[in-house]
C-alpha atoms as a PDB file:
ATOM      1  CA  MET A   1      13.323 -13.128  21.673  1.00  0.00           C
ATOM      2  CA  TYR A   2      10.447 -12.691  24.121  1.00  0.00           C
ATOM      3  CA  ILE A   3       8.724  -9.435  24.059  1.00  0.00           C
ATOM      4  CA  ASN A   4       6.670  -8.613  27.277  1.00  0.00           C
ATOM      5  CA  TYR A   5       3.672  -6.518  26.180  1.00  0.00           C
ATOM      6  CA  THR A   6       1.567  -4.193  28.599  1.00  0.00           C
ATOM      7  CA  SER A   7      -1.679  -2.469  28.261  1.00  0.00           C
ATOM      8  CA  ARG A   8      -0.326   0.560  29.983  1.00  0.00           C
ATOM      9  CA  PRO A   9       2.843   2.564  29.543  1.00  0.00           C
ATOM     10  CA  LEU A  10       5.480   1.694  32.113  1.00  0.00           C
ATOM     11  CA  ASN A  11       7.293   5.202  31.737  1.00  0.00           C
ATOM     12  CA  LYS A  12      10.584   3.867  32.655  1.00  0.00           C
ATOM     13  CA  LEU A  13      12.422   4.412  29.401  1.00  0.00           C
ATOM     14  CA  LYS A  14      12.340   7.060  26.793  1.00  0.00           C
ATOM     15  CA  ARG A  15       9.425   6.702  24.311  1.00  0.00           C
ATOM     16  CA  ALA A  16      10.530   5.946  20.993  1.00  0.00           C
ATOM     17  CA  GLU A  17       9.070   7.870  17.896  1.00  0.00           C
ATOM     18  CA  GLY A  18       6.590   5.466  16.356  1.00  0.00           C
ATOM     19  CA  LEU A  19       6.086   4.518  12.965  1.00  0.00           C
ATOM     20  CA  PRO A  20       3.714   6.408  10.719  1.00  0.00           C
ATOM     21  CA  GLU A  21       0.190   4.978  10.291  1.00  0.00           C
ATOM     22  CA  GLN A  22      -0.053   2.624   7.353  1.00  0.00           C
ATOM     23  CA  GLU A  23      -3.288   1.005   5.839  1.00  0.00           C
ATOM     24  CA  PHE A  24      -3.494  -2.526   5.161  1.00  0.00           C
ATOM     25  CA  LYS A  25      -6.162  -3.731   2.763  1.00  0.00           C
ATOM     26  CA  LEU A  26      -7.659  -7.203   3.734  1.00  0.00           C
ATOM     27  CA  GLY A  27      -9.509  -7.536   0.434  1.00  0.00           C
ATOM     28  CA  SER A  28     -12.303  -9.813   0.165  1.00  0.00           C
ATOM     29  CA  SER A  29     -11.361 -11.854   3.351  1.00  0.00           C
ATOM     30  CA  SER A  30     -14.219 -12.438   5.729  1.00  0.00           C
ATOM     31  CA  VAL A  31     -14.199 -11.626   9.265  1.00  0.00           C
ATOM     32  CA  GLU A  32     -14.487 -15.492  10.162  1.00  0.00           C
ATOM     33  CA  SER A  33     -11.552 -16.342   8.015  1.00  0.00           C
ATOM     34  CA  LEU A  34      -9.352 -13.640   9.524  1.00  0.00           C
ATOM     35  CA  LEU A  35     -10.230 -14.780  13.065  1.00  0.00           C
ATOM     36  CA  SER A  36      -9.770 -18.308  12.277  1.00  0.00           C
ATOM     37  CA  GLN A  37      -6.859 -20.193  13.890  1.00  0.00           C
ATOM     38  CA  TYR A  38      -5.104 -20.787  10.507  1.00  0.00           C
ATOM     39  CA  SER A  39      -5.046 -16.891   9.909  1.00  0.00           C
ATOM     40  CA  SER A  40      -1.612 -15.354   9.442  1.00  0.00           C
ATOM     41  CA  ILE A  41      -2.988 -12.242  11.347  1.00  0.00           C
ATOM     42  CA  SER A  42      -1.495 -11.549  14.748  1.00  0.00           C
ATOM     43  CA  THR A  43      -3.735 -11.953  17.979  1.00  0.00           C
ATOM     44  CA  PHE A  44      -3.357  -8.092  18.548  1.00  0.00           C
ATOM     45  CA  TRP A  45      -4.718  -7.518  15.040  1.00  0.00           C
ATOM     46  CA  LYS A  46      -7.512 -10.067  15.568  1.00  0.00           C
ATOM     47  CA  GLU A  47      -8.550  -8.204  18.956  1.00  0.00           C
ATOM     48  CA  ALA A  48      -8.852  -5.058  16.691  1.00  0.00           C
ATOM     49  CA  ILE A  49     -11.193  -7.123  14.266  1.00  0.00           C
ATOM     50  CA  LYS A  50     -13.373  -8.001  17.131  1.00  0.00           C
ATOM     51  CA  ASN A  51     -13.627  -4.276  18.122  1.00  0.00           C
ATOM     52  CA  PRO A  52     -13.941  -2.316  14.893  1.00  0.00           C
ATOM     53  CA  GLY A  53     -13.637   1.312  15.084  1.00  0.00           C
ATOM     54  CA  THR A  54     -11.678   1.203  18.342  1.00  0.00           C
ATOM     55  CA  THR A  55      -7.945   1.860  18.335  1.00  0.00           C
ATOM     56  CA  LEU A  56      -6.227  -0.631  20.525  1.00  0.00           C
ATOM     57  CA  LYS A  57      -2.777   0.242  22.093  1.00  0.00           C
ATOM     58  CA  ARG A  58      -0.078  -2.010  23.636  1.00  0.00           C
ATOM     59  CA  TYR A  59       3.477  -1.046  24.760  1.00  0.00           C
ATOM     60  CA  HIS A  60       6.728  -2.852  25.020  1.00  0.00           C
ATOM     61  CA  GLU A  61      10.198  -2.141  25.921  1.00  0.00           C
ATOM     62  CA  GLU A  62      13.092  -2.846  23.494  1.00  0.00           C
ATOM     63  CA  ASN A  63      16.638  -1.397  22.874  1.00  0.00           C
ATOM     64  CA  SER A  64      16.296   1.026  25.845  1.00  0.00           C
ATOM     65  CA  TYR A  65      13.193   2.526  24.397  1.00  0.00           C
ATOM     66  CA  GLU A  66       9.277   2.093  25.106  1.00  0.00           C
ATOM     67  CA  TYR A  67       7.206   1.595  22.040  1.00  0.00           C
ATOM     68  CA  GLU A  68       3.569   2.064  21.427  1.00  0.00           C
ATOM     69  CA  ASP A  69       1.884  -0.290  19.007  1.00  0.00           C
ATOM     70  CA  ARG A  70      -1.617   0.954  17.569  1.00  0.00           C
ATOM     71  CA  VAL A  71      -4.139  -0.918  15.456  1.00  0.00           C
ATOM     72  CA  THR A  72      -7.698   0.010  14.304  1.00  0.00           C
ATOM     73  CA  TYR A  73      -9.986  -1.985  12.201  1.00  0.00           C
ATOM     74  CA  ASN A  74     -12.397  -0.292   9.794  1.00  0.00           C
ATOM     75  CA  ALA A  75     -15.327  -2.898   8.874  1.00  0.00           C
ATOM     76  CA  GLU A  76     -16.794  -0.650   6.126  1.00  0.00           C
ATOM     77  CA  THR A  77     -13.587  -0.837   4.098  1.00  0.00           C
ATOM     78  CA  ASN A  78     -12.054  -4.071   5.604  1.00  0.00           C
ATOM     79  CA  THR A  79      -8.809  -2.513   6.285  1.00  0.00           C
ATOM     80  CA  ILE A  80      -6.413  -2.362   9.129  1.00  0.00           C
ATOM     81  CA  THR A  81      -4.673   0.879  10.083  1.00  0.00           C
ATOM     82  CA  ALA A  82      -1.523   0.268  12.140  1.00  0.00           C
ATOM     83  CA  ASN A  83       1.783   1.823  13.163  1.00  0.00           C
ATOM     84  CA  THR A  84       3.890  -1.183  11.692  1.00  0.00           C
ATOM     85  CA  TYR A  85       5.511  -2.188   8.526  1.00  0.00           C
ATOM     86  CA  SER A  86       4.881  -5.801   9.047  1.00  0.00           C
ATOM     87  CA  CYS A  87       2.571  -7.223   6.408  1.00  0.00           C
ATOM     88  CA  PRO A  88       0.539 -10.280   7.777  1.00  0.00           C
ATOM     89  CA  TYR A  89       0.900 -11.912   4.248  1.00  0.00           C
ATOM     90  CA  SER A  90       4.581 -11.386   4.047  1.00  0.00           C
ATOM     91  CA  TYR A  91       5.160 -15.092   3.569  1.00  0.00           C
ATOM     92  CA  ASN A  92       2.960 -15.118   0.533  1.00  0.00           C
ATOM     93  CA  HIS A  93       4.799 -12.324  -1.326  1.00  0.00           C
ATOM     94  CA  HIS A  94       6.150 -13.215  -4.662  1.00  0.00           C
ATOM     95  CA  ILE A  95       9.117 -11.671  -6.538  1.00  0.00           C
ATOM     96  CA  GLY A  96       7.991  -9.267  -9.214  1.00  0.00           C
ATOM     97  CA  SER A  97       4.527  -8.770  -7.906  1.00  0.00           C
ATOM     98  CA  THR A  98       2.812  -6.290  -5.616  1.00  0.00           C
ATOM     99  CA  CYS A  99       1.067  -7.181  -2.548  1.00  0.00           C
ATOM    100  CA  GLY A 100      -2.587  -6.451  -2.492  1.00  0.00           C
ATOM    101  CA  CYS A 101      -2.420  -5.782   1.391  1.00  0.00           C
ATOM    102  CA  CYS A 102       0.341  -3.640   1.880  1.00  0.00           C
ATOM    103  CA  GLY A 103       1.013  -2.419  -1.436  1.00  0.00           C
ATOM    104  CA  GLN A 104       4.849  -3.394  -1.239  1.00  0.00           C
ATOM    105  CA  LYS A 105       6.563  -4.291  -4.354  1.00  0.00           C
ATOM    106  CA  ASP A 106       8.869  -7.271  -4.304  1.00  0.00           C
END
């Protein structure tokens, strides 16, 4: 499925109530490794890492609603605050463990 993202809201549809802010701990990962082409972090999150302390927003339409995605990178604590539940390390979760990034227990 293709999603068209825009930098400004189109205001054609009802605004969806967003997800609550969640903090993702990036641990000891360096900025260079987070920005590498092999990193599992999305390009939207990579833009936030390049602009620490700035909240980036993007908008998209889905299921007759308009959604706002937000992401902020804190360089001091090496964390990302975003209104999403999708962990960038979800492919590396193991049954019976707790993810160090999102805190989810599998």
